[in-house]
C-alpha cells in the first residue's frame, strides 16, 4: 500500500460537468445525507483511496462525496498535509466539509508507533500528535493506527505485549488531543495481521476506550474467521472498512488492488453486516478500495456506484 503521492488541488466548481453527472446519478441513490431513520444501523463514508487514482485533490473529493450522498469522508493524512503545505487552511477545509453535509468519520495516518526502534517510535508519536491536532482542527475524531513500520517481510516479530505497550503510548497522545486511535488490522502484515492480534493488543493497553479498525479484505487476507466480528462492543468498533474480494486470486496471492465493490465478490457480507449491526451502535461503513480499474473511470461515477453497492449490500442483509 503506497501512501506518498501528489495530488492536484482543484477549486470547487472547476469540474461542473462531472458534478452534474454525479448529482444525476445520485438522484437514484436511496439514501441521502440527514435522511436516515432513527433506527439506522449504518452510516456510509467514502475513503478517498477509492478515487485516489484520479488525483482530484481533497476539495474535489469532498465535493464528490457530498454530491453522491455519503454521510462522511475518510481522508488520508498525507493528502491533508499536502493541502496544508500548499497553502490550504485545515479549519476552512473542515468548515467546507461540514457545509457539504459531511462528517470526518476517520482519517488514515501512518505514524510508525509500533516500530522496533525506540528513537523512531519517539519521532512517530510526535508525528501522530501533529496529525491529530490537524485532524481536530477539521472536526475529525478518529485516526487509523496500522502497524506500519513493522509490517514488511524483513521486520522483526513484535511480541503482542510490546505492541500493547506501544499502542498505549499512542492512545495517550490521542486522549490529550481528543482523537481516538483505531488499531488497524493489516492482513498482509508480519505483525497484527489477524483479528485476534489486534483484539489482544487493544484489550491489554489498559485503556477503557480501546478501538479497532477492521476491514473485509484484511480479515480475509490475514486468515481470520469473520465470526470474530461478533465479539466487539459499540465502543471498540466504530468504523469498518467496506469492500469485497473475488474468488481468484487465492488468499496467498490476493492484494489491495484486487478489492472490488461490496457485493461484486465472494465475501459473506450478509453475515458480516449482521454481526456489525447486532449491537445498539450505529457503525460507519467506509468504502476503501484500491482498484486500478476504478481509477480509470470518472471519479463521480465511482463514488456513486460505490455508495449504491454498499446500500444494496446493507439492504440484502436485511437492514
C-alpha atoms as a PDB file:
ATOM      1  CA  UNK A   1       0.000   0.000   0.000  1.00  0.00           C
ATOM      2  CA  UNK A   2       1.546   3.281  -1.106  1.00  0.00           C
ATOM      3  CA  UNK A   3       0.741   6.416   0.769  1.00  0.00           C
ATOM      4  CA  UNK A   4       3.101   9.083  -0.567  1.00  0.00           C
ATOM      5  CA  UNK A   5       1.632  10.770  -3.596  1.00  0.00           C
ATOM      6  CA  UNK A   6       0.976  14.142  -5.204  1.00  0.00           C
ATOM      7  CA  UNK A   7      -2.460  15.461  -5.973  1.00  0.00           C
ATOM      8  CA  UNK A   8      -3.789  18.423  -7.891  1.00  0.00           C
ATOM      9  CA  UNK A   9      -5.742  20.781  -5.670  1.00  0.00           C
ATOM     10  CA  UNK A  10      -8.699  21.832  -7.750  1.00  0.00           C
ATOM     11  CA  UNK A  11     -11.036  24.611  -6.734  1.00  0.00           C
ATOM     12  CA  UNK A  12     -14.675  23.767  -6.300  1.00  0.00           C
ATOM     13  CA  UNK A  13     -16.642  24.381  -9.407  1.00  0.00           C
ATOM     14  CA  UNK A  14     -13.872  23.694 -11.924  1.00  0.00           C
ATOM     15  CA  UNK A  15     -15.444  20.407 -12.916  1.00  0.00           C
ATOM     16  CA  UNK A  16     -19.101  21.371 -13.072  1.00  0.00           C
ATOM     17  CA  UNK A  17     -19.848  18.802 -15.734  1.00  0.00           C
ATOM     18  CA  UNK A  18     -18.705  15.877 -13.601  1.00  0.00           C
ATOM     19  CA  UNK A  19     -20.540  17.276 -10.589  1.00  0.00           C
ATOM     20  CA  UNK A  20     -23.715  17.468 -12.622  1.00  0.00           C
ATOM     21  CA  UNK A  21     -23.235  13.849 -13.644  1.00  0.00           C
ATOM     22  CA  UNK A  22     -22.694  12.861 -10.018  1.00  0.00           C
ATOM     23  CA  UNK A  23     -25.871  14.606  -8.944  1.00  0.00           C
ATOM     24  CA  UNK A  24     -27.843  12.926 -11.718  1.00  0.00           C
ATOM     25  CA  UNK A  25     -26.533   9.538 -10.695  1.00  0.00           C
ATOM     26  CA  UNK A  26     -27.131  10.287  -7.021  1.00  0.00           C
ATOM     27  CA  UNK A  27     -30.773  11.059  -7.709  1.00  0.00           C
ATOM     28  CA  UNK A  28     -31.404   7.338  -7.909  1.00  0.00           C
ATOM     29  CA  UNK A  29     -29.491   6.599  -4.705  1.00  0.00           C
ATOM     30  CA  UNK A  30     -31.923   5.572  -1.946  1.00  0.00           C
ATOM     31  CA  UNK A  31     -30.111   7.291   0.895  1.00  0.00           C
ATOM     32  CA  UNK A  32     -29.078  10.941   1.115  1.00  0.00           C
ATOM     33  CA  UNK A  33     -27.422  12.845   3.987  1.00  0.00           C
ATOM     34  CA  UNK A  34     -29.608  13.507   7.011  1.00  0.00           C
ATOM     35  CA  UNK A  35     -32.436  11.296   5.710  1.00  0.00           C
ATOM     36  CA  UNK A  36     -31.793   8.180   7.797  1.00  0.00           C
ATOM     37  CA  UNK A  37     -34.378   6.686  10.157  1.00  0.00           C
ATOM     38  CA  UNK A  38     -33.783   6.771  13.883  1.00  0.00           C
ATOM     39  CA  UNK A  39     -33.087   3.033  13.945  1.00  0.00           C
ATOM     40  CA  UNK A  40     -30.307   3.341  11.367  1.00  0.00           C
ATOM     41  CA  UNK A  41     -27.557   0.787  11.921  1.00  0.00           C
ATOM     42  CA  UNK A  42     -25.077   2.078   9.348  1.00  0.00           C
ATOM     43  CA  UNK A  43     -23.644   5.342   8.085  1.00  0.00           C
ATOM     44  CA  UNK A  44     -21.904   5.495   4.707  1.00  0.00           C
ATOM     45  CA  UNK A  45     -18.483   7.044   4.246  1.00  0.00           C
ATOM     46  CA  UNK A  46     -16.073   7.484   1.330  1.00  0.00           C
ATOM     47  CA  UNK A  47     -12.440   6.611   1.994  1.00  0.00           C
ATOM     48  CA  UNK A  48     -10.612   8.769  -0.518  1.00  0.00           C
ATOM     49  CA  UNK A  49      -8.358   5.863  -1.590  1.00  0.00           C
ATOM     50  CA  UNK A  50     -11.321   4.694  -3.665  1.00  0.00           C
ATOM     51  CA  UNK A  51     -10.818   7.607  -6.089  1.00  0.00           C
ATOM     52  CA  UNK A  52      -7.162   8.398  -5.408  1.00  0.00           C
ATOM     53  CA  UNK A  53      -6.051   7.365  -8.896  1.00  0.00           C
ATOM     54  CA  UNK A  54      -7.983  10.255 -10.429  1.00  0.00           C
ATOM     55  CA  UNK A  55      -5.808  12.674  -8.427  1.00  0.00           C
ATOM     56  CA  UNK A  56      -8.697  15.063  -7.919  1.00  0.00           C
ATOM     57  CA  UNK A  57      -7.447  16.673  -4.701  1.00  0.00           C
ATOM     58  CA  UNK A  58      -9.194  16.844  -1.344  1.00  0.00           C
ATOM     59  CA  UNK A  59     -11.504  19.741  -2.271  1.00  0.00           C
ATOM     60  CA  UNK A  60     -12.911  17.880  -5.236  1.00  0.00           C
ATOM     61  CA  UNK A  61     -13.121  14.642  -3.225  1.00  0.00           C
ATOM     62  CA  UNK A  62     -15.295  16.417  -0.661  1.00  0.00           C
ATOM     63  CA  UNK A  63     -17.483  17.719  -3.470  1.00  0.00           C
ATOM     64  CA  UNK A  64     -17.829  14.248  -4.977  1.00  0.00           C
ATOM     65  CA  UNK A  65     -18.665  12.574  -1.661  1.00  0.00           C
ATOM     66  CA  UNK A  66     -21.354  15.139  -0.912  1.00  0.00           C
ATOM     67  CA  UNK A  67     -22.873  15.002  -4.406  1.00  0.00           C
ATOM     68  CA  UNK A  68     -23.021  11.200  -4.312  1.00  0.00           C
ATOM     69  CA  UNK A  69     -24.889  11.223  -0.989  1.00  0.00           C
ATOM     70  CA  UNK A  70     -22.361   9.898   1.525  1.00  0.00           C
ATOM     71  CA  UNK A  71     -22.679  10.749   5.212  1.00  0.00           C
ATOM     72  CA  UNK A  72     -18.964  11.146   5.808  1.00  0.00           C
ATOM     73  CA  UNK A  73     -15.494  11.190   4.325  1.00  0.00           C
ATOM     74  CA  UNK A  74     -12.284   9.448   5.389  1.00  0.00           C
ATOM     75  CA  UNK A  75      -9.264  11.364   4.040  1.00  0.00           C
ATOM     76  CA  UNK A  76      -5.634  10.328   4.140  1.00  0.00           C
ATOM     77  CA  UNK A  77      -3.291  12.293   6.386  1.00  0.00           C
ATOM     78  CA  UNK A  78      -0.562  12.675   3.688  1.00  0.00           C
ATOM     79  CA  UNK A  79      -3.143  14.355   1.429  1.00  0.00           C
ATOM     80  CA  UNK A  80      -4.206  16.713   4.199  1.00  0.00           C
ATOM     81  CA  UNK A  81      -0.585  17.653   4.840  1.00  0.00           C
ATOM     82  CA  UNK A  82      -0.100  18.340   1.147  1.00  0.00           C
ATOM     83  CA  UNK A  83      -3.205  20.506   1.056  1.00  0.00           C
ATOM     84  CA  UNK A  84      -1.952  22.445   4.098  1.00  0.00           C
ATOM     85  CA  UNK A  85       1.602  22.771   2.792  1.00  0.00           C
ATOM     86  CA  UNK A  86       0.322  24.194  -0.487  1.00  0.00           C
ATOM     87  CA  UNK A  87      -1.440  26.976   1.380  1.00  0.00           C
ATOM     88  CA  UNK A  88      -4.766  25.397   2.210  1.00  0.00           C
ATOM     89  CA  UNK A  89      -6.466  26.104   5.531  1.00  0.00           C
ATOM     90  CA  UNK A  90      -7.327  22.989   7.534  1.00  0.00           C
ATOM     91  CA  UNK A  91     -10.049  24.727   9.608  1.00  0.00           C
ATOM     92  CA  UNK A  92     -11.578  26.108   6.392  1.00  0.00           C
ATOM     93  CA  UNK A  93     -11.481  22.618   4.900  1.00  0.00           C
ATOM     94  CA  UNK A  94     -13.329  21.327   7.944  1.00  0.00           C
ATOM     95  CA  UNK A  95     -15.973  24.020   7.522  1.00  0.00           C
ATOM     96  CA  UNK A  96     -16.340  23.173   3.868  1.00  0.00           C
ATOM     97  CA  UNK A  97     -16.841  19.509   4.738  1.00  0.00           C
ATOM     98  CA  UNK A  98     -19.479  20.380   7.338  1.00  0.00           C
ATOM     99  CA  UNK A  99     -21.218  22.816   4.989  1.00  0.00           C
ATOM    100  CA  UNK A 100     -21.404  19.989   2.431  1.00  0.00           C
ATOM    101  CA  UNK A 101     -23.359  17.905   4.948  1.00  0.00           C
ATOM    102  CA  UNK A 102     -20.478  15.530   5.658  1.00  0.00           C
ATOM    103  CA  UNK A 103     -18.586  14.469   8.764  1.00  0.00           C
ATOM    104  CA  UNK A 104     -14.945  13.402   9.065  1.00  0.00           C
ATOM    105  CA  UNK A 105     -15.557   9.909  10.393  1.00  0.00           C
ATOM    106  CA  UNK A 106     -11.908   8.848  10.362  1.00  0.00           C
ATOM    107  CA  UNK A 107      -8.575   9.599   8.720  1.00  0.00           C
ATOM    108  CA  UNK A 108      -5.782   7.336   7.545  1.00  0.00           C
ATOM    109  CA  UNK A 109      -2.431   8.026   9.232  1.00  0.00           C
ATOM    110  CA  UNK A 110       0.923   6.287   9.010  1.00  0.00           C
ATOM    111  CA  UNK A 111       2.901   7.223  12.121  1.00  0.00           C
ATOM    112  CA  UNK A 112       5.250   4.318  12.947  1.00  0.00           C
ATOM    113  CA  UNK A 113       4.133   3.946  16.563  1.00  0.00           C
ATOM    114  CA  UNK A 114       4.937   0.198  16.572  1.00  0.00           C
ATOM    115  CA  UNK A 115       8.401   0.428  15.015  1.00  0.00           C
ATOM    116  CA  UNK A 116      11.044  -1.739  16.748  1.00  0.00           C
ATOM    117  CA  UNK A 117      13.421   1.218  17.158  1.00  0.00           C
ATOM    118  CA  UNK A 118      12.757   3.431  20.197  1.00  0.00           C
ATOM    119  CA  UNK A 119      14.031   6.627  18.550  1.00  0.00           C
ATOM    120  CA  UNK A 120      11.790   6.030  15.544  1.00  0.00           C
ATOM    121  CA  UNK A 121       8.822   5.462  17.822  1.00  0.00           C
ATOM    122  CA  UNK A 122       9.516   8.690  19.682  1.00  0.00           C
ATOM    123  CA  UNK A 123       9.514  10.618  16.412  1.00  0.00           C
ATOM    124  CA  UNK A 124       6.399   8.761  15.323  1.00  0.00           C
ATOM    125  CA  UNK A 125       4.490   9.829  18.424  1.00  0.00           C
ATOM    126  CA  UNK A 126       5.345  13.456  17.720  1.00  0.00           C
ATOM    127  CA  UNK A 127       4.195  12.960  14.143  1.00  0.00           C
ATOM    128  CA  UNK A 128       0.954  11.442  15.422  1.00  0.00           C
ATOM    129  CA  UNK A 129       0.472  14.387  17.780  1.00  0.00           C
ATOM    130  CA  UNK A 130       0.738  16.828  14.871  1.00  0.00           C
ATOM    131  CA  UNK A 131      -1.557  14.731  12.701  1.00  0.00           C
ATOM    132  CA  UNK A 132      -4.169  14.527  15.440  1.00  0.00           C
ATOM    133  CA  UNK A 133      -4.028  18.258  16.003  1.00  0.00           C
ATOM    134  CA  UNK A 134      -4.617  18.831  12.297  1.00  0.00           C
ATOM    135  CA  UNK A 135      -7.474  16.355  12.310  1.00  0.00           C
ATOM    136  CA  UNK A 136      -9.032  18.024  15.345  1.00  0.00           C
ATOM    137  CA  UNK A 137      -8.911  21.380  13.553  1.00  0.00           C
ATOM    138  CA  UNK A 138     -11.118  19.994  10.787  1.00  0.00           C
ATOM    139  CA  UNK A 139     -13.628  18.323  13.100  1.00  0.00           C
ATOM    140  CA  UNK A 140     -12.306  14.770  12.983  1.00  0.00           C
ATOM    141  CA  UNK A 141     -12.482  12.403  15.943  1.00  0.00           C
ATOM    142  CA  UNK A 142     -10.700   9.171  14.885  1.00  0.00           C
ATOM    143  CA  UNK A 143      -7.470   8.177  13.161  1.00  0.00           C
ATOM    144  CA  UNK A 144      -6.277   4.829  11.819  1.00  0.00           C
ATOM    145  CA  UNK A 145      -3.274   3.248  13.533  1.00  0.00           C
ATOM    146  CA  UNK A 146      -1.956   0.488  11.254  1.00  0.00           C
ATOM    147  CA  UNK A 147       1.217  -1.496  12.088  1.00  0.00           C
ATOM    148  CA  UNK A 148       3.270   0.472   9.559  1.00  0.00           C
ATOM    149  CA  UNK A 149       6.984   0.201  10.298  1.00  0.00           C
ATOM    150  CA  UNK A 150       6.637  -3.390  11.493  1.00  0.00           C
ATOM    151  CA  UNK A 151       4.733  -4.894   8.605  1.00  0.00           C
ATOM    152  CA  UNK A 152       7.220  -5.812   5.888  1.00  0.00           C
ATOM    153  CA  UNK A 153       8.920  -9.137   5.373  1.00  0.00           C
ATOM    154  CA  UNK A 154      12.200  -8.076   6.965  1.00  0.00           C
ATOM    155  CA  UNK A 155      10.569  -6.558  10.068  1.00  0.00           C
ATOM    156  CA  UNK A 156      11.131  -8.449  13.324  1.00  0.00           C
ATOM    157  CA  UNK A 157       8.201 -10.103  15.030  1.00  0.00           C
ATOM    158  CA  UNK A 158       6.772  -7.743  17.648  1.00  0.00           C
ATOM    159  CA  UNK A 159       5.507  -9.533  20.739  1.00  0.00           C
ATOM    160  CA  UNK A 160       1.882  -8.657  21.441  1.00  0.00           C
ATOM    161  CA  UNK A 161       2.726  -7.373  24.930  1.00  0.00           C
ATOM    162  CA  UNK A 162       5.216  -4.931  23.396  1.00  0.00           C
ATOM    163  CA  UNK A 163       2.666  -3.892  20.781  1.00  0.00           C
ATOM    164  CA  UNK A 164       0.137  -3.204  23.544  1.00  0.00           C
ATOM    165  CA  UNK A 165       2.629  -1.014  25.392  1.00  0.00           C
ATOM    166  CA  UNK A 166       3.386   0.932  22.232  1.00  0.00           C
ATOM    167  CA  UNK A 167      -0.264   1.337  21.301  1.00  0.00           C
ATOM    168  CA  UNK A 168      -0.987   2.570  24.823  1.00  0.00           C
ATOM    169  CA  UNK A 169       1.556   5.354  24.251  1.00  0.00           C
ATOM    170  CA  UNK A 170      -0.300   6.328  21.085  1.00  0.00           C
ATOM    171  CA  UNK A 171      -3.599   6.225  22.960  1.00  0.00           C
ATOM    172  CA  UNK A 172      -2.192   8.675  25.497  1.00  0.00           C
ATOM    173  CA  UNK A 173      -1.406  11.085  22.665  1.00  0.00           C
ATOM    174  CA  UNK A 174      -4.939  10.589  21.393  1.00  0.00           C
ATOM    175  CA  UNK A 175      -6.515  11.267  24.774  1.00  0.00           C
ATOM    176  CA  UNK A 176      -4.583  14.522  25.053  1.00  0.00           C
ATOM    177  CA  UNK A 177      -5.593  15.521  21.513  1.00  0.00           C
ATOM    178  CA  UNK A 178      -9.227  14.429  21.742  1.00  0.00           C
ATOM    179  CA  UNK A 179      -8.760  11.902  18.920  1.00  0.00           C
ATOM    180  CA  UNK A 180      -9.373   8.134  19.071  1.00  0.00           C
ATOM    181  CA  UNK A 181      -6.603   5.980  17.551  1.00  0.00           C
ATOM    182  CA  UNK A 182      -8.125   2.926  15.867  1.00  0.00           C
ATOM    183  CA  UNK A 183      -5.840  -0.103  15.903  1.00  0.00           C
ATOM    184  CA  UNK A 184      -5.960  -1.339  12.325  1.00  0.00           C
ATOM    185  CA  UNK A 185      -5.523  -4.924  11.189  1.00  0.00           C
ATOM    186  CA  UNK A 186      -3.353  -5.375   8.076  1.00  0.00           C
ATOM    187  CA  UNK A 187      -3.810  -8.862   6.688  1.00  0.00           C
ATOM    188  CA  UNK A 188      -0.579  -8.751   4.681  1.00  0.00           C
ATOM    189  CA  UNK A 189       1.485  -7.560   7.635  1.00  0.00           C
ATOM    190  CA  UNK A 190       4.091  -9.535   9.545  1.00  0.00           C
ATOM    191  CA  UNK A 191       2.590  -8.117  12.735  1.00  0.00           C
ATOM    192  CA  UNK A 192      -1.074  -7.558  13.684  1.00  0.00           C
ATOM    193  CA  UNK A 193      -2.444  -9.427  10.674  1.00  0.00           C
ATOM    194  CA  UNK A 194      -5.307 -11.238  12.431  1.00  0.00           C
ATOM    195  CA  UNK A 195      -8.389 -10.171  14.368  1.00  0.00           C
ATOM    196  CA  UNK A 196      -7.067 -11.975  17.458  1.00  0.00           C
ATOM    197  CA  UNK A 197      -3.818  -9.989  17.323  1.00  0.00           C
ATOM    198  CA  UNK A 198      -5.426  -6.551  17.378  1.00  0.00           C
ATOM    199  CA  UNK A 199      -8.088  -7.663  19.859  1.00  0.00           C
ATOM    200  CA  UNK A 200      -5.398  -8.862  22.285  1.00  0.00           C
ATOM    201  CA  UNK A 201      -3.364  -5.677  21.931  1.00  0.00           C
ATOM    202  CA  UNK A 202      -6.394  -3.415  22.356  1.00  0.00           C
ATOM    203  CA  UNK A 203      -7.536  -5.331  25.434  1.00  0.00           C
ATOM    204  CA  UNK A 204      -4.138  -5.208  27.120  1.00  0.00           C
ATOM    205  CA  UNK A 205      -3.408  -1.477  26.855  1.00  0.00           C
ATOM    206  CA  UNK A 206      -5.437  -0.745  29.968  1.00  0.00           C
ATOM    207  CA  UNK A 207      -7.345   1.945  28.079  1.00  0.00           C
ATOM    208  CA  UNK A 208     -11.093   1.720  28.585  1.00  0.00           C
ATOM    209  CA  UNK A 209     -11.820   3.238  25.175  1.00  0.00           C
ATOM    210  CA  UNK A 210      -9.632   0.972  23.040  1.00  0.00           C
ATOM    211  CA  UNK A 211     -10.874   0.976  19.476  1.00  0.00           C
ATOM    212  CA  UNK A 212     -10.223  -1.198  16.412  1.00  0.00           C
ATOM    213  CA  UNK A 213     -10.409  -0.586  12.665  1.00  0.00           C
ATOM    214  CA  UNK A 214     -11.280  -3.774  10.779  1.00  0.00           C
ATOM    215  CA  UNK A 215     -11.748  -4.461   7.083  1.00  0.00           C
ATOM    216  CA  UNK A 216     -13.393  -7.148   4.912  1.00  0.00           C
ATOM    217  CA  UNK A 217     -10.315  -7.633   2.704  1.00  0.00           C
ATOM    218  CA  UNK A 218      -7.769  -7.551   5.529  1.00  0.00           C
ATOM    219  CA  UNK A 219      -9.686 -10.061   7.646  1.00  0.00           C
ATOM    220  CA  UNK A 220      -9.712 -12.461   4.683  1.00  0.00           C
ATOM    221  CA  UNK A 221      -6.083 -11.799   3.751  1.00  0.00           C
ATOM    222  CA  UNK A 222      -4.894 -12.370   7.324  1.00  0.00           C
ATOM    223  CA  UNK A 223      -6.731 -15.675   7.610  1.00  0.00           C
ATOM    224  CA  UNK A 224      -9.152 -14.842  10.426  1.00  0.00           C
ATOM    225  CA  UNK A 225     -12.708 -16.119  10.547  1.00  0.00           C
ATOM    226  CA  UNK A 226     -15.301 -13.388  10.095  1.00  0.00           C
ATOM    227  CA  UNK A 227     -17.205 -14.813  13.085  1.00  0.00           C
ATOM    228  CA  UNK A 228     -14.789 -12.898  15.314  1.00  0.00           C
ATOM    229  CA  UNK A 229     -16.666  -9.701  14.450  1.00  0.00           C
ATOM    230  CA  UNK A 230     -19.440 -10.725  16.821  1.00  0.00           C
ATOM    231  CA  UNK A 231     -17.157 -10.161  19.824  1.00  0.00           C
ATOM    232  CA  UNK A 232     -16.771  -6.416  19.668  1.00  0.00           C
ATOM    233  CA  UNK A 233     -18.712  -3.812  21.600  1.00  0.00           C
ATOM    234  CA  UNK A 234     -20.112  -0.489  20.482  1.00  0.00           C
ATOM    235  CA  UNK A 235     -17.043   1.382  21.689  1.00  0.00           C
ATOM    236  CA  UNK A 236     -14.409  -0.952  20.305  1.00  0.00           C
ATOM    237  CA  UNK A 237     -15.612  -0.908  16.695  1.00  0.00           C
ATOM    238  CA  UNK A 238     -16.893   2.392  15.322  1.00  0.00           C
ATOM    239  CA  UNK A 239     -15.696   2.430  11.705  1.00  0.00           C
ATOM    240  CA  UNK A 240     -15.448  -0.588   9.400  1.00  0.00           C
ATOM    241  CA  UNK A 241     -13.713  -0.626   6.018  1.00  0.00           C
ATOM    242  CA  UNK A 242     -16.136  -1.951   3.440  1.00  0.00           C
ATOM    243  CA  UNK A 243     -15.080  -3.796   0.282  1.00  0.00           C
ATOM    244  CA  UNK A 244     -15.212  -7.269  -1.230  1.00  0.00           C
ATOM    245  CA  UNK A 245     -12.805  -9.769  -2.787  1.00  0.00           C
ATOM    246  CA  UNK A 246     -13.042 -12.108  -5.780  1.00  0.00           C
ATOM    247  CA  UNK A 247     -12.670 -15.892  -5.805  1.00  0.00           C
ATOM    248  CA  UNK A 248      -9.424 -15.527  -7.729  1.00  0.00           C
ATOM    249  CA  UNK A 249      -6.628 -14.817  -6.905  1.00  0.00           C
ATOM    250  CA  UNK A 250      -6.336 -17.009  -3.831  1.00  0.00           C
ATOM    251  CA  UNK A 251      -5.662 -15.703  -0.331  1.00  0.00           C
ATOM    252  CA  UNK A 252      -1.879 -16.054  -0.623  1.00  0.00           C
ATOM    253  CA  UNK A 253      -1.770 -14.067  -3.883  1.00  0.00           C
ATOM    254  CA  UNK A 254      -4.504 -11.502  -3.382  1.00  0.00           C
ATOM    255  CA  UNK A 255      -3.513  -7.882  -2.696  1.00  0.00           C
ATOM    256  CA  UNK A 256      -5.087  -4.466  -2.254  1.00  0.00           C
ATOM    257  CA  UNK A 257      -5.549  -3.935  -5.981  1.00  0.00           C
ATOM    258  CA  UNK A 258      -7.985  -6.859  -6.168  1.00  0.00           C
ATOM    259  CA  UNK A 259     -10.571  -5.287  -3.882  1.00  0.00           C
ATOM    260  CA  UNK A 260     -13.950  -4.836  -5.552  1.00  0.00           C
ATOM    261  CA  UNK A 261     -17.242  -3.153  -4.758  1.00  0.00           C
ATOM    262  CA  UNK A 262     -19.292  -4.767  -1.974  1.00  0.00           C
ATOM    263  CA  UNK A 263     -21.441  -7.469  -3.497  1.00  0.00           C
ATOM    264  CA  UNK A 264     -19.189  -7.999  -6.515  1.00  0.00           C
ATOM    265  CA  UNK A 265     -17.070 -10.638  -4.760  1.00  0.00           C
ATOM    266  CA  UNK A 266     -17.484 -13.685  -2.546  1.00  0.00           C
ATOM    267  CA  UNK A 267     -17.230 -12.199   0.952  1.00  0.00           C
ATOM    268  CA  UNK A 268     -20.086 -13.299   3.283  1.00  0.00           C
ATOM    269  CA  UNK A 269     -21.440  -9.770   3.542  1.00  0.00           C
ATOM    270  CA  UNK A 270     -24.839 -10.760   4.935  1.00  0.00           C
ATOM    271  CA  UNK A 271     -23.171 -12.446   7.896  1.00  0.00           C
ATOM    272  CA  UNK A 272     -20.616  -9.656   8.315  1.00  0.00           C
ATOM    273  CA  UNK A 273     -23.235  -6.907   8.324  1.00  0.00           C
ATOM    274  CA  UNK A 274     -25.444  -8.945  10.634  1.00  0.00           C
ATOM    275  CA  UNK A 275     -22.660  -9.121  13.217  1.00  0.00           C
ATOM    276  CA  UNK A 276     -21.816  -5.436  12.841  1.00  0.00           C
ATOM    277  CA  UNK A 277     -25.462  -4.457  13.260  1.00  0.00           C
ATOM    278  CA  UNK A 278     -26.034  -6.767  16.208  1.00  0.00           C
ATOM    279  CA  UNK A 279     -25.313  -4.063  18.764  1.00  0.00           C
ATOM    280  CA  UNK A 280     -27.030  -0.843  19.771  1.00  0.00           C
ATOM    281  CA  UNK A 281     -24.489   1.190  17.849  1.00  0.00           C
ATOM    282  CA  UNK A 282     -24.626   2.947  14.510  1.00  0.00           C
ATOM    283  CA  UNK A 283     -21.410   1.989  12.734  1.00  0.00           C
ATOM    284  CA  UNK A 284     -19.745   3.788   9.827  1.00  0.00           C
ATOM    285  CA  UNK A 285     -19.112   1.696   6.733  1.00  0.00           C
ATOM    286  CA  UNK A 286     -16.239   3.352   4.889  1.00  0.00           C
ATOM    287  CA  UNK A 287     -15.682   2.289   1.282  1.00  0.00           C
ATOM    288  CA  UNK A 288     -11.944   1.633   0.932  1.00  0.00           C
ATOM    289  CA  UNK A 289     -10.802   0.360  -2.470  1.00  0.00           C
ATOM    290  CA  UNK A 290      -7.513   0.444  -4.378  1.00  0.00           C
ATOM    291  CA  UNK A 291      -8.712  -0.966  -7.673  1.00  0.00           C
ATOM    292  CA  UNK A 292      -6.812   0.422 -10.703  1.00  0.00           C
ATOM    293  CA  UNK A 293      -9.823  -0.326 -12.903  1.00  0.00           C
ATOM    294  CA  UNK A 294     -11.971   2.059 -10.880  1.00  0.00           C
ATOM    295  CA  UNK A 295      -9.243   4.687 -11.009  1.00  0.00           C
ATOM    296  CA  UNK A 296      -9.586   4.748 -14.800  1.00  0.00           C
ATOM    297  CA  UNK A 297     -13.242   5.739 -14.529  1.00  0.00           C
ATOM    298  CA  UNK A 298     -14.901   9.075 -13.806  1.00  0.00           C
ATOM    299  CA  UNK A 299     -14.468   9.661 -10.070  1.00  0.00           C
ATOM    300  CA  UNK A 300     -18.065  10.890  -9.797  1.00  0.00           C
ATOM    301  CA  UNK A 301     -19.347   7.612 -11.233  1.00  0.00           C
ATOM    302  CA  UNK A 302     -17.130   5.530  -8.924  1.00  0.00           C
ATOM    303  CA  UNK A 303     -18.286   7.469  -5.859  1.00  0.00           C
ATOM    304  CA  UNK A 304     -21.955   6.955  -6.716  1.00  0.00           C
ATOM    305  CA  UNK A 305     -21.556   3.312  -7.740  1.00  0.00           C
ATOM    306  CA  UNK A 306     -19.648   2.547  -4.540  1.00  0.00           C
ATOM    307  CA  UNK A 307     -22.361   4.055  -2.353  1.00  0.00           C
ATOM    308  CA  UNK A 308     -25.120   2.221  -4.210  1.00  0.00           C
ATOM    309  CA  UNK A 309     -23.224  -1.062  -3.830  1.00  0.00           C
ATOM    310  CA  UNK A 310     -22.851  -0.536  -0.080  1.00  0.00           C
ATOM    311  CA  UNK A 311     -26.505   0.360   0.310  1.00  0.00           C
ATOM    312  CA  UNK A 312     -27.542  -2.671  -1.717  1.00  0.00           C
ATOM    313  CA  UNK A 313     -25.420  -4.924   0.490  1.00  0.00           C
ATOM    314  CA  UNK A 314     -27.000  -3.489   3.622  1.00  0.00           C
ATOM    315  CA  UNK A 315     -30.484  -3.943   2.164  1.00  0.00           C
ATOM    316  CA  UNK A 316     -29.701  -7.530   1.132  1.00  0.00           C
ATOM    317  CA  UNK A 317     -28.584  -8.215   4.711  1.00  0.00           C
ATOM    318  CA  UNK A 318     -31.987  -7.085   5.962  1.00  0.00           C
ATOM    319  CA  UNK A 319     -31.187  -3.603   7.274  1.00  0.00           C
END
